[in-house]
Each structure stands twice: as C-alpha cells, then as structure tokens.
C-alpha cells in the first residue's frame, strides 16, 4: 500500500511474532529494529569486543 505522500507501508514477518507487524513506513520499521538492538545486549558485547582489540 502506498500513502498519499508516496511512502510505502512495511511489514515484518517473524516466527517469534504471533502475526505480522505492520509499520506505516520503511523508516519506522528500521527505527524500531535499531531501538531493539540498542535495548539488547548487543551494544555491550560490541563495546567489550572493541576494548579487547585496543589492548
């Protein structure tokens, strides 16, 4: 589906969701994914890995 401003809606399908998740734009789905990464342990693991490279 395309909105009046030309933006396309985006859908995320995953086995860990009970159903598809609809987003109003591609930017919205990317920002949600980015927020989930920041909320996870991934940034902490990355920081630890970079510190190991510096020594």
C-alpha atoms as a PDB file:
ATOM      1  CA  UNK A   1       0.000   0.000   0.000  1.00  0.00           C
ATOM      2  CA  UNK A   2       1.217   3.484  -0.823  1.00  0.00           C
ATOM      3  CA  UNK A   3       0.094   6.536   1.141  1.00  0.00           C
ATOM      4  CA  UNK A   4      -0.733   9.955  -0.326  1.00  0.00           C
ATOM      5  CA  UNK A   5       2.781  11.211   0.442  1.00  0.00           C
ATOM      6  CA  UNK A   6       4.287   8.334  -1.581  1.00  0.00           C
ATOM      7  CA  UNK A   7       5.513   6.400   1.471  1.00  0.00           C
ATOM      8  CA  UNK A   8       5.099   2.631   1.370  1.00  0.00           C
ATOM      9  CA  UNK A   9       3.898   0.674   4.349  1.00  0.00           C
ATOM     10  CA  UNK A  10       6.217  -2.069   5.632  1.00  0.00           C
ATOM     11  CA  UNK A  11       5.505  -5.441   7.200  1.00  0.00           C
ATOM     12  CA  UNK A  12       7.684  -7.584   9.433  1.00  0.00           C
ATOM     13  CA  UNK A  13       7.154 -11.337   9.449  1.00  0.00           C
ATOM     14  CA  UNK A  14       8.968 -13.492  12.002  1.00  0.00           C
ATOM     15  CA  UNK A  15       8.422 -16.813  13.695  1.00  0.00           C
ATOM     16  CA  UNK A  16       8.630 -15.147  17.121  1.00  0.00           C
ATOM     17  CA  UNK A  17       5.610 -12.911  16.374  1.00  0.00           C
ATOM     18  CA  UNK A  18       2.123 -14.389  16.632  1.00  0.00           C
ATOM     19  CA  UNK A  19       1.214 -12.443  13.458  1.00  0.00           C
ATOM     20  CA  UNK A  20       2.748  -9.941  11.056  1.00  0.00           C
ATOM     21  CA  UNK A  21       3.612  -6.485  12.382  1.00  0.00           C
ATOM     22  CA  UNK A  22       2.570  -3.550  10.189  1.00  0.00           C
ATOM     23  CA  UNK A  23       4.530  -0.285  10.049  1.00  0.00           C
ATOM     24  CA  UNK A  24       3.413   2.910   8.362  1.00  0.00           C
ATOM     25  CA  UNK A  25       6.785   3.407   6.640  1.00  0.00           C
ATOM     26  CA  UNK A  26      10.119   1.800   5.885  1.00  0.00           C
ATOM     27  CA  UNK A  27      11.777   4.334   8.188  1.00  0.00           C
ATOM     28  CA  UNK A  28       9.505   3.252  11.039  1.00  0.00           C
ATOM     29  CA  UNK A  29      10.446  -0.428  10.661  1.00  0.00           C
ATOM     30  CA  UNK A  30      14.170   0.477  10.536  1.00  0.00           C
ATOM     31  CA  UNK A  31      13.952   2.722  13.603  1.00  0.00           C
ATOM     32  CA  UNK A  32      12.093   0.021  15.538  1.00  0.00           C
ATOM     33  CA  UNK A  33      14.790  -2.520  14.674  1.00  0.00           C
ATOM     34  CA  UNK A  34      17.507  -0.057  15.678  1.00  0.00           C
ATOM     35  CA  UNK A  35      15.772   0.616  19.018  1.00  0.00           C
ATOM     36  CA  UNK A  36      15.549  -3.136  19.668  1.00  0.00           C
ATOM     37  CA  UNK A  37      19.287  -3.500  19.041  1.00  0.00           C
ATOM     38  CA  UNK A  38      20.074  -0.662  21.432  1.00  0.00           C
ATOM     39  CA  UNK A  39      17.811  -2.226  24.076  1.00  0.00           C
ATOM     40  CA  UNK A  40      19.509  -5.615  23.699  1.00  0.00           C
ATOM     41  CA  UNK A  41      22.889  -6.786  24.960  1.00  0.00           C
ATOM     42  CA  UNK A  42      24.423  -6.399  21.504  1.00  0.00           C
ATOM     43  CA  UNK A  43      25.902  -2.898  22.092  1.00  0.00           C
ATOM     44  CA  UNK A  44      27.515  -4.106  25.329  1.00  0.00           C
ATOM     45  CA  UNK A  45      29.059  -7.101  23.567  1.00  0.00           C
ATOM     46  CA  UNK A  46      30.334  -4.818  20.785  1.00  0.00           C
ATOM     47  CA  UNK A  47      31.951  -2.457  23.314  1.00  0.00           C
ATOM     48  CA  UNK A  48      33.671  -5.357  25.056  1.00  0.00           C
ATOM     49  CA  UNK A  49      34.966  -6.664  21.712  1.00  0.00           C
ATOM     50  CA  UNK A  50      36.336  -3.251  20.725  1.00  0.00           C
ATOM     51  CA  UNK A  51      38.100  -2.885  24.082  1.00  0.00           C
ATOM     52  CA  UNK A  52      39.795  -6.242  23.516  1.00  0.00           C
ATOM     53  CA  UNK A  53      41.080  -5.019  20.149  1.00  0.00           C
ATOM     54  CA  UNK A  54      42.647  -1.920  21.706  1.00  0.00           C
ATOM     55  CA  UNK A  55      44.852  -3.881  24.106  1.00  0.00           C
END
